[in-house]
Amino acid sequence: MAKKKVRRSVSRKNPAVKSRRSRDVSMGLAIIALILNVIFVPGLGTLIAGKSRTGIWQVALLLVGAIFFSIAYIYEASVFYVGSLLMIAAWMWGLITGVQLIQEAK
């Protein structure tokens, strides 16, 4: 009687194995990322910390908000509120991401 070959499936979502995308962030880098996100440009610290997709979206949100804000400043349009809200949202998102980086570094 021939033995049957048993295939064992390998789980790709093993919590013990980290993916190539996740990168350990030191506490110092996480603090620098938070400072860059809050004080200078939202998304800059996120990019430096290695979360490139999130950082690019944060910078893009800030730029779109700045464009709307400047159009409203020049033409006195009501897009001023939209631009202001987008820029505030970008800064809040950067703040939240910076705090999450610090929590991940602990």
N, C-alpha and C. Protein backbone atom coordinates (compact mmCIF):
# COMPACT_ATOMS: atom_id res chain seq x y z
N MET A 1 0.83 -1.15 0.00
CA MET A 1 0.00 0.00 0.00
C MET A 1 0.90 1.24 0.00
N ALA A 2 0.62 2.14 -0.94
CA ALA A 2 1.44 3.34 -1.08
C ALA A 2 0.97 4.40 -0.08
N LYS A 3 1.95 5.13 0.45
CA LYS A 3 1.61 6.19 1.39
C LYS A 3 1.19 7.43 0.63
N LYS A 4 0.20 8.09 1.15
CA LYS A 4 -0.24 9.34 0.54
C LYS A 4 0.63 10.48 1.07
N LYS A 5 0.96 11.38 0.15
CA LYS A 5 1.73 12.55 0.57
C LYS A 5 0.76 13.57 1.18
N VAL A 6 1.13 14.01 2.33
CA VAL A 6 0.30 14.98 3.03
C VAL A 6 0.92 16.37 2.84
N ARG A 7 0.12 17.28 2.29
CA ARG A 7 0.59 18.65 2.12
C ARG A 7 0.17 19.46 3.34
N ARG A 8 1.10 20.15 3.86
CA ARG A 8 0.80 21.02 4.98
C ARG A 8 0.82 22.45 4.47
N SER A 9 -0.25 23.11 4.73
CA SER A 9 -0.31 24.50 4.28
C SER A 9 0.45 25.37 5.27
N VAL A 10 1.16 26.30 4.72
CA VAL A 10 1.92 27.23 5.54
C VAL A 10 1.12 28.52 5.64
N SER A 11 0.86 28.91 6.84
CA SER A 11 0.10 30.14 7.05
C SER A 11 0.97 31.35 6.73
N ARG A 12 0.46 32.22 5.87
CA ARG A 12 1.21 33.41 5.51
C ARG A 12 1.05 34.51 6.55
N LYS A 13 0.06 34.39 7.39
CA LYS A 13 -0.17 35.41 8.38
C LYS A 13 0.29 34.95 9.76
N ASN A 14 1.49 34.50 9.84
CA ASN A 14 2.06 34.07 11.09
C ASN A 14 2.52 35.30 11.85
N PRO A 15 2.00 35.55 13.05
CA PRO A 15 2.38 36.76 13.78
C PRO A 15 3.84 36.79 14.20
N ALA A 16 4.47 35.62 14.27
CA ALA A 16 5.86 35.59 14.67
C ALA A 16 6.79 36.08 13.57
N VAL A 17 6.34 36.00 12.33
CA VAL A 17 7.17 36.41 11.20
C VAL A 17 6.73 37.80 10.76
N LYS A 18 7.67 38.74 10.75
CA LYS A 18 7.34 40.10 10.33
C LYS A 18 7.51 40.21 8.83
N SER A 19 6.66 41.00 8.24
CA SER A 19 6.75 41.19 6.80
C SER A 19 7.91 42.11 6.47
N ARG A 20 8.26 42.15 5.19
CA ARG A 20 9.36 43.02 4.77
C ARG A 20 8.99 44.49 4.90
N ARG A 21 7.70 44.80 4.83
CA ARG A 21 7.28 46.19 4.91
C ARG A 21 7.40 46.75 6.30
N SER A 22 7.14 45.94 7.33
CA SER A 22 7.20 46.47 8.69
C SER A 22 8.65 46.64 9.08
N ARG A 23 8.91 47.74 9.73
CA ARG A 23 10.27 48.08 10.09
C ARG A 23 10.26 48.51 11.55
N ASP A 24 11.16 47.96 12.32
CA ASP A 24 11.24 48.36 13.71
C ASP A 24 11.75 49.79 13.79
N VAL A 25 11.06 50.59 14.56
CA VAL A 25 11.41 51.99 14.73
C VAL A 25 11.92 52.18 16.15
N SER A 26 13.09 52.80 16.28
CA SER A 26 13.62 53.06 17.61
C SER A 26 12.86 54.21 18.24
N MET A 27 13.00 54.35 19.54
CA MET A 27 12.29 55.40 20.25
C MET A 27 12.76 56.77 19.80
N GLY A 28 14.04 56.94 19.56
CA GLY A 28 14.57 58.22 19.10
C GLY A 28 14.02 58.62 17.74
N LEU A 29 13.97 57.66 16.82
CA LEU A 29 13.42 57.93 15.50
C LEU A 29 11.93 58.23 15.57
N ALA A 30 11.22 57.55 16.46
CA ALA A 30 9.78 57.80 16.62
C ALA A 30 9.53 59.21 17.16
N ILE A 31 10.35 59.67 18.09
CA ILE A 31 10.20 61.02 18.63
C ILE A 31 10.52 62.06 17.57
N ILE A 32 11.57 61.83 16.79
CA ILE A 32 11.92 62.75 15.70
C ILE A 32 10.80 62.79 14.67
N ALA A 33 10.22 61.65 14.36
CA ALA A 33 9.12 61.59 13.39
C ALA A 33 7.91 62.37 13.90
N LEU A 34 7.61 62.24 15.19
CA LEU A 34 6.49 62.99 15.77
C LEU A 34 6.74 64.49 15.69
N ILE A 35 7.95 64.91 16.01
CA ILE A 35 8.27 66.34 15.96
C ILE A 35 8.18 66.86 14.53
N LEU A 36 8.70 66.11 13.58
CA LEU A 36 8.63 66.53 12.18
C LEU A 36 7.19 66.60 11.69
N ASN A 37 6.39 65.63 12.09
CA ASN A 37 4.98 65.60 11.66
C ASN A 37 4.18 66.76 12.24
N VAL A 38 4.46 67.13 13.47
CA VAL A 38 3.63 68.15 14.13
C VAL A 38 4.14 69.56 13.85
N ILE A 39 5.45 69.76 13.91
CA ILE A 39 5.98 71.12 13.80
C ILE A 39 6.26 71.53 12.36
N PHE A 40 6.82 70.66 11.56
CA PHE A 40 7.24 71.06 10.22
C PHE A 40 6.21 70.68 9.15
N VAL A 41 6.30 69.48 8.62
CA VAL A 41 5.41 69.06 7.54
C VAL A 41 4.80 67.71 7.90
N PRO A 42 3.46 67.64 7.97
CA PRO A 42 2.85 66.34 8.25
C PRO A 42 3.20 65.34 7.14
N GLY A 43 3.67 64.20 7.52
CA GLY A 43 4.05 63.17 6.56
C GLY A 43 5.55 63.04 6.42
N LEU A 44 6.30 64.09 6.71
CA LEU A 44 7.75 64.03 6.59
C LEU A 44 8.34 63.05 7.60
N GLY A 45 7.89 63.14 8.83
CA GLY A 45 8.36 62.20 9.85
C GLY A 45 7.90 60.78 9.57
N THR A 46 6.72 60.66 9.03
CA THR A 46 6.20 59.33 8.68
C THR A 46 7.03 58.71 7.57
N LEU A 47 7.43 59.52 6.60
CA LEU A 47 8.30 59.02 5.53
C LEU A 47 9.65 58.58 6.08
N ILE A 48 10.22 59.38 6.97
CA ILE A 48 11.52 59.05 7.55
C ILE A 48 11.44 57.78 8.39
N ALA A 49 10.31 57.57 9.05
CA ALA A 49 10.14 56.38 9.90
C ALA A 49 9.93 55.10 9.09
N GLY A 50 9.68 55.24 7.78
CA GLY A 50 9.56 54.05 6.95
C GLY A 50 8.16 53.71 6.49
N LYS A 51 7.18 54.48 6.89
CA LYS A 51 5.80 54.24 6.42
C LYS A 51 5.56 55.15 5.22
N SER A 52 6.09 54.75 4.09
CA SER A 52 6.11 55.64 2.93
C SER A 52 4.72 55.90 2.35
N ARG A 53 3.88 54.90 2.27
CA ARG A 53 2.55 55.11 1.68
C ARG A 53 1.73 56.10 2.51
N THR A 54 1.73 55.93 3.81
CA THR A 54 1.00 56.84 4.69
C THR A 54 1.59 58.24 4.63
N GLY A 55 2.92 58.33 4.62
CA GLY A 55 3.57 59.62 4.57
C GLY A 55 3.28 60.38 3.29
N ILE A 56 3.25 59.68 2.17
CA ILE A 56 2.95 60.33 0.89
C ILE A 56 1.52 60.85 0.89
N TRP A 57 0.59 60.09 1.43
CA TRP A 57 -0.81 60.54 1.48
C TRP A 57 -0.96 61.75 2.40
N GLN A 58 -0.21 61.77 3.49
CA GLN A 58 -0.29 62.92 4.39
C GLN A 58 0.24 64.18 3.73
N VAL A 59 1.37 64.08 3.04
CA VAL A 59 1.93 65.23 2.33
C VAL A 59 0.99 65.67 1.21
N ALA A 60 0.42 64.72 0.49
CA ALA A 60 -0.50 65.06 -0.60
C ALA A 60 -1.74 65.78 -0.06
N LEU A 61 -2.26 65.33 1.07
CA LEU A 61 -3.42 65.98 1.68
C LEU A 61 -3.08 67.41 2.08
N LEU A 62 -1.89 67.60 2.62
CA LEU A 62 -1.46 68.94 3.00
C LEU A 62 -1.32 69.83 1.77
N LEU A 63 -0.74 69.31 0.70
CA LEU A 63 -0.55 70.11 -0.52
C LEU A 63 -1.88 70.49 -1.16
N VAL A 64 -2.82 69.57 -1.22
CA VAL A 64 -4.13 69.88 -1.78
C VAL A 64 -4.83 70.94 -0.93
N GLY A 65 -4.73 70.81 0.37
CA GLY A 65 -5.31 71.82 1.25
C GLY A 65 -4.65 73.17 1.08
N ALA A 66 -3.33 73.19 0.90
CA ALA A 66 -2.61 74.46 0.69
C ALA A 66 -3.00 75.10 -0.64
N ILE A 67 -3.21 74.28 -1.65
CA ILE A 67 -3.64 74.82 -2.96
C ILE A 67 -5.02 75.43 -2.84
N PHE A 68 -5.95 74.73 -2.20
CA PHE A 68 -7.29 75.29 -2.00
C PHE A 68 -7.23 76.56 -1.16
N PHE A 69 -6.41 76.54 -0.13
CA PHE A 69 -6.27 77.70 0.74
C PHE A 69 -5.74 78.91 -0.03
N SER A 70 -4.72 78.69 -0.88
CA SER A 70 -4.14 79.81 -1.63
C SER A 70 -5.11 80.31 -2.71
N ILE A 71 -5.86 79.42 -3.32
CA ILE A 71 -6.87 79.86 -4.30
C ILE A 71 -7.91 80.73 -3.60
N ALA A 72 -8.31 80.30 -2.42
CA ALA A 72 -9.30 81.07 -1.67
C ALA A 72 -8.74 82.42 -1.25
N TYR A 73 -7.47 82.47 -0.94
CA TYR A 73 -6.85 83.73 -0.54
C TYR A 73 -6.80 84.71 -1.71
N ILE A 74 -6.50 84.20 -2.89
CA ILE A 74 -6.39 85.06 -4.07
C ILE A 74 -7.77 85.49 -4.56
N TYR A 75 -8.67 84.55 -4.68
CA TYR A 75 -9.98 84.85 -5.29
C TYR A 75 -11.10 85.07 -4.28
N GLU A 76 -10.80 85.04 -3.00
CA GLU A 76 -11.79 85.21 -1.94
C GLU A 76 -12.97 84.26 -2.10
N ALA A 77 -12.68 83.03 -2.35
CA ALA A 77 -13.71 82.02 -2.58
C ALA A 77 -14.01 81.27 -1.28
N SER A 78 -15.05 80.50 -1.30
CA SER A 78 -15.43 79.74 -0.11
C SER A 78 -14.62 78.45 0.02
N VAL A 79 -13.70 78.22 -0.90
CA VAL A 79 -12.85 77.03 -0.80
C VAL A 79 -11.86 77.18 0.34
N PHE A 80 -11.81 78.37 0.91
CA PHE A 80 -10.95 78.63 2.07
C PHE A 80 -11.23 77.61 3.17
N TYR A 81 -12.49 77.33 3.42
CA TYR A 81 -12.86 76.40 4.49
C TYR A 81 -12.43 74.97 4.16
N VAL A 82 -12.57 74.60 2.91
CA VAL A 82 -12.16 73.25 2.50
C VAL A 82 -10.65 73.11 2.65
N GLY A 83 -9.90 74.10 2.17
CA GLY A 83 -8.45 74.06 2.29
C GLY A 83 -7.99 74.03 3.73
N SER A 84 -8.64 74.85 4.55
CA SER A 84 -8.28 74.87 5.97
C SER A 84 -8.54 73.53 6.63
N LEU A 85 -9.69 72.94 6.34
CA LEU A 85 -10.02 71.64 6.93
C LEU A 85 -9.07 70.54 6.46
N LEU A 86 -8.69 70.57 5.19
CA LEU A 86 -7.76 69.56 4.69
C LEU A 86 -6.39 69.70 5.35
N MET A 87 -5.93 70.92 5.53
CA MET A 87 -4.63 71.13 6.17
C MET A 87 -4.67 70.71 7.64
N ILE A 88 -5.76 71.03 8.33
CA ILE A 88 -5.90 70.61 9.73
C ILE A 88 -5.98 69.08 9.81
N ALA A 89 -6.69 68.46 8.88
CA ALA A 89 -6.78 66.99 8.86
C ALA A 89 -5.41 66.35 8.64
N ALA A 90 -4.60 66.95 7.76
CA ALA A 90 -3.25 66.42 7.51
C ALA A 90 -2.41 66.51 8.79
N TRP A 91 -2.49 67.63 9.51
CA TRP A 91 -1.72 67.77 10.73
C TRP A 91 -2.21 66.81 11.82
N MET A 92 -3.50 66.63 11.92
CA MET A 92 -4.02 65.69 12.92
C MET A 92 -3.60 64.25 12.59
N TRP A 93 -3.66 63.90 11.31
CA TRP A 93 -3.25 62.56 10.89
C TRP A 93 -1.76 62.36 11.17
N GLY A 94 -0.96 63.38 10.92
CA GLY A 94 0.47 63.29 11.23
C GLY A 94 0.72 63.13 12.72
N LEU A 95 -0.04 63.83 13.54
CA LEU A 95 0.08 63.71 14.99
C LEU A 95 -0.27 62.30 15.44
N ILE A 96 -1.37 61.78 14.93
CA ILE A 96 -1.80 60.43 15.30
C ILE A 96 -0.77 59.39 14.86
N THR A 97 -0.24 59.54 13.66
CA THR A 97 0.77 58.60 13.17
C THR A 97 2.03 58.68 14.02
N GLY A 98 2.43 59.89 14.41
CA GLY A 98 3.61 60.04 15.27
C GLY A 98 3.43 59.37 16.62
N VAL A 99 2.25 59.52 17.20
CA VAL A 99 1.96 58.87 18.49
C VAL A 99 1.95 57.35 18.32
N GLN A 100 1.39 56.86 17.21
CA GLN A 100 1.40 55.41 16.97
C GLN A 100 2.81 54.88 16.81
N LEU A 101 3.68 55.66 16.16
CA LEU A 101 5.08 55.24 16.03
C LEU A 101 5.76 55.13 17.39
N ILE A 102 5.47 56.07 18.28
CA ILE A 102 6.05 56.02 19.62
C ILE A 102 5.53 54.79 20.38
N GLN A 103 4.24 54.48 20.23
CA GLN A 103 3.69 53.30 20.90
C GLN A 103 4.29 52.02 20.35
N GLU A 104 4.56 51.98 19.04
CA GLU A 104 5.16 50.78 18.44
C GLU A 104 6.61 50.63 18.87
N ALA A 105 7.28 51.74 19.19
CA ALA A 105 8.69 51.67 19.56
C ALA A 105 8.89 51.16 20.98
N LYS A 106 7.85 51.21 21.82
CA LYS A 106 7.99 50.76 23.21
C LYS A 106 8.16 49.29 23.33
